[in-house]
Amino acid sequence: MASKVIITGVGIPMIIVGALMAWLWAPIQGDFQNQVELVGSTIGILGVIFFISGLFYTKEPVMH
């Protein structure tokens, strides 16, 4: 069972913010364009990792 909280609360917003940084904010920056693209793409990649981990997350019952 997937964790919708991880997917919708962390994964998707990180993907959106990373894409906006890499595609919209980076071309505006003159000297720091490469650094902004790097940070934006890193945030996007981490968002994809959180999205995928949210798909595979399940609560395991505790065995006593």
N, C-alpha and C. Protein backbone atom coordinates (compact mmCIF):
# COMPACT_ATOMS: atom_id res chain seq x y z
N MET A 1 0.83 -1.18 0.00
CA MET A 1 0.00 0.00 0.00
C MET A 1 0.88 1.24 0.00
N ALA A 2 0.60 2.15 -0.86
CA ALA A 2 1.41 3.36 -1.00
C ALA A 2 1.06 4.38 0.08
N SER A 3 2.04 5.20 0.41
CA SER A 3 1.82 6.27 1.36
C SER A 3 1.52 7.56 0.59
N LYS A 4 0.26 7.97 0.62
CA LYS A 4 -0.15 9.16 -0.11
C LYS A 4 0.42 10.42 0.51
N VAL A 5 0.72 10.38 1.81
CA VAL A 5 1.29 11.55 2.48
C VAL A 5 2.69 11.84 1.95
N ILE A 6 3.49 10.81 1.78
CA ILE A 6 4.85 11.01 1.26
C ILE A 6 4.80 11.46 -0.19
N ILE A 7 3.92 10.85 -0.97
CA ILE A 7 3.85 11.18 -2.39
C ILE A 7 3.35 12.61 -2.60
N THR A 8 2.20 12.95 -1.99
CA THR A 8 1.61 14.26 -2.24
C THR A 8 2.20 15.37 -1.38
N GLY A 9 2.75 15.02 -0.24
CA GLY A 9 3.28 16.05 0.66
C GLY A 9 4.73 16.37 0.45
N VAL A 10 5.50 15.43 -0.08
CA VAL A 10 6.93 15.64 -0.23
C VAL A 10 7.37 15.48 -1.68
N GLY A 11 7.03 14.36 -2.29
CA GLY A 11 7.54 14.04 -3.62
C GLY A 11 7.12 15.00 -4.71
N ILE A 12 5.83 15.19 -4.86
CA ILE A 12 5.32 16.06 -5.93
C ILE A 12 5.74 17.51 -5.75
N PRO A 13 5.64 18.10 -4.55
CA PRO A 13 6.11 19.49 -4.41
C PRO A 13 7.61 19.66 -4.70
N MET A 14 8.43 18.68 -4.32
CA MET A 14 9.86 18.79 -4.62
C MET A 14 10.12 18.72 -6.12
N ILE A 15 9.38 17.87 -6.82
CA ILE A 15 9.53 17.77 -8.27
C ILE A 15 9.14 19.10 -8.92
N ILE A 16 8.04 19.68 -8.48
CA ILE A 16 7.57 20.94 -9.06
C ILE A 16 8.55 22.08 -8.79
N VAL A 17 9.01 22.19 -7.54
CA VAL A 17 9.95 23.27 -7.19
C VAL A 17 11.26 23.11 -7.94
N GLY A 18 11.77 21.87 -8.03
CA GLY A 18 13.01 21.64 -8.77
C GLY A 18 12.88 21.99 -10.23
N ALA A 19 11.75 21.62 -10.84
CA ALA A 19 11.54 21.95 -12.26
C ALA A 19 11.42 23.45 -12.48
N LEU A 20 10.72 24.13 -11.59
CA LEU A 20 10.59 25.58 -11.72
C LEU A 20 11.94 26.28 -11.56
N MET A 21 12.74 25.79 -10.63
CA MET A 21 14.07 26.39 -10.45
C MET A 21 14.94 26.18 -11.68
N ALA A 22 14.94 24.96 -12.21
CA ALA A 22 15.83 24.65 -13.33
C ALA A 22 15.38 25.30 -14.63
N TRP A 23 14.06 25.40 -14.85
CA TRP A 23 13.59 25.91 -16.14
C TRP A 23 13.25 27.39 -16.15
N LEU A 24 12.76 27.94 -15.05
CA LEU A 24 12.32 29.32 -15.05
C LEU A 24 13.30 30.27 -14.37
N TRP A 25 13.83 29.87 -13.22
CA TRP A 25 14.67 30.78 -12.46
C TRP A 25 16.10 30.80 -12.96
N ALA A 26 16.61 29.67 -13.42
CA ALA A 26 18.01 29.59 -13.85
C ALA A 26 18.32 30.48 -15.05
N PRO A 27 17.48 30.56 -16.08
CA PRO A 27 17.83 31.43 -17.20
C PRO A 27 17.88 32.92 -16.84
N ILE A 28 17.19 33.31 -15.78
CA ILE A 28 17.21 34.72 -15.35
C ILE A 28 18.55 35.07 -14.71
N GLN A 29 19.15 34.11 -14.00
CA GLN A 29 20.41 34.35 -13.31
C GLN A 29 21.55 34.42 -14.32
N GLY A 30 22.41 35.38 -14.16
CA GLY A 30 23.52 35.53 -15.08
C GLY A 30 24.73 34.71 -14.67
N ASP A 31 25.34 35.08 -13.57
CA ASP A 31 26.58 34.43 -13.14
C ASP A 31 26.33 33.08 -12.48
N PHE A 32 25.18 32.90 -11.88
CA PHE A 32 24.91 31.70 -11.10
C PHE A 32 23.96 30.73 -11.80
N GLN A 33 23.87 30.80 -13.12
CA GLN A 33 22.93 29.96 -13.85
C GLN A 33 23.22 28.47 -13.65
N ASN A 34 24.48 28.08 -13.75
CA ASN A 34 24.82 26.66 -13.60
C ASN A 34 24.53 26.14 -12.20
N GLN A 35 24.79 26.96 -11.18
CA GLN A 35 24.54 26.53 -9.81
C GLN A 35 23.05 26.38 -9.53
N VAL A 36 22.24 27.31 -10.06
CA VAL A 36 20.80 27.24 -9.85
C VAL A 36 20.23 26.03 -10.58
N GLU A 37 20.71 25.75 -11.78
CA GLU A 37 20.26 24.55 -12.49
C GLU A 37 20.64 23.28 -11.73
N LEU A 38 21.85 23.25 -11.16
CA LEU A 38 22.28 22.09 -10.40
C LEU A 38 21.41 21.87 -9.17
N VAL A 39 21.14 22.93 -8.43
CA VAL A 39 20.31 22.81 -7.22
C VAL A 39 18.89 22.43 -7.60
N GLY A 40 18.34 23.03 -8.65
CA GLY A 40 16.98 22.71 -9.07
C GLY A 40 16.84 21.27 -9.53
N SER A 41 17.81 20.80 -10.30
CA SER A 41 17.72 19.41 -10.76
C SER A 41 17.96 18.43 -9.62
N THR A 42 18.80 18.80 -8.66
CA THR A 42 19.01 17.93 -7.49
C THR A 42 17.74 17.82 -6.66
N ILE A 43 17.06 18.93 -6.46
CA ILE A 43 15.79 18.90 -5.72
C ILE A 43 14.77 18.05 -6.48
N GLY A 44 14.72 18.18 -7.79
CA GLY A 44 13.79 17.38 -8.59
C GLY A 44 14.09 15.89 -8.50
N ILE A 45 15.37 15.53 -8.56
CA ILE A 45 15.75 14.12 -8.46
C ILE A 45 15.42 13.57 -7.09
N LEU A 46 15.67 14.34 -6.04
CA LEU A 46 15.29 13.89 -4.69
C LEU A 46 13.77 13.75 -4.57
N GLY A 47 13.02 14.63 -5.24
CA GLY A 47 11.57 14.51 -5.24
C GLY A 47 11.10 13.22 -5.90
N VAL A 48 11.76 12.83 -7.00
CA VAL A 48 11.43 11.57 -7.66
C VAL A 48 11.74 10.39 -6.74
N ILE A 49 12.85 10.47 -6.02
CA ILE A 49 13.21 9.39 -5.08
C ILE A 49 12.18 9.29 -3.97
N PHE A 50 11.74 10.43 -3.41
CA PHE A 50 10.69 10.40 -2.39
C PHE A 50 9.38 9.87 -2.96
N PHE A 51 9.06 10.24 -4.19
CA PHE A 51 7.84 9.76 -4.84
C PHE A 51 7.85 8.24 -4.97
N ILE A 52 8.97 7.70 -5.44
CA ILE A 52 9.08 6.25 -5.60
C ILE A 52 9.07 5.54 -4.25
N SER A 53 9.77 6.11 -3.26
CA SER A 53 9.77 5.48 -1.94
C SER A 53 8.39 5.52 -1.31
N GLY A 54 7.60 6.55 -1.60
CA GLY A 54 6.23 6.60 -1.11
C GLY A 54 5.36 5.53 -1.73
N LEU A 55 5.66 5.13 -2.96
CA LEU A 55 4.90 4.05 -3.60
C LEU A 55 5.16 2.71 -2.94
N PHE A 56 6.37 2.50 -2.45
CA PHE A 56 6.74 1.21 -1.88
C PHE A 56 6.63 1.14 -0.37
N TYR A 57 6.22 2.23 0.29
CA TYR A 57 6.16 2.27 1.75
C TYR A 57 4.96 1.48 2.25
N THR A 58 5.19 0.60 3.21
CA THR A 58 4.11 -0.11 3.89
C THR A 58 4.41 -0.16 5.38
N LYS A 59 3.36 -0.18 6.17
CA LYS A 59 3.55 -0.32 7.61
C LYS A 59 3.60 -1.79 7.95
N GLU A 60 4.71 -2.20 8.52
CA GLU A 60 4.88 -3.60 8.92
C GLU A 60 4.30 -3.80 10.32
N PRO A 61 3.57 -4.87 10.55
CA PRO A 61 3.10 -5.13 11.91
C PRO A 61 4.27 -5.53 12.82
N VAL A 62 4.23 -5.07 14.06
CA VAL A 62 5.28 -5.37 15.01
C VAL A 62 5.02 -6.74 15.61
N MET A 63 5.99 -7.61 15.48
CA MET A 63 5.87 -8.97 16.02
C MET A 63 6.51 -9.03 17.40
N HIS A 64 5.77 -9.50 18.41
CA HIS A 64 6.31 -9.59 19.77
C HIS A 64 6.82 -10.96 20.02
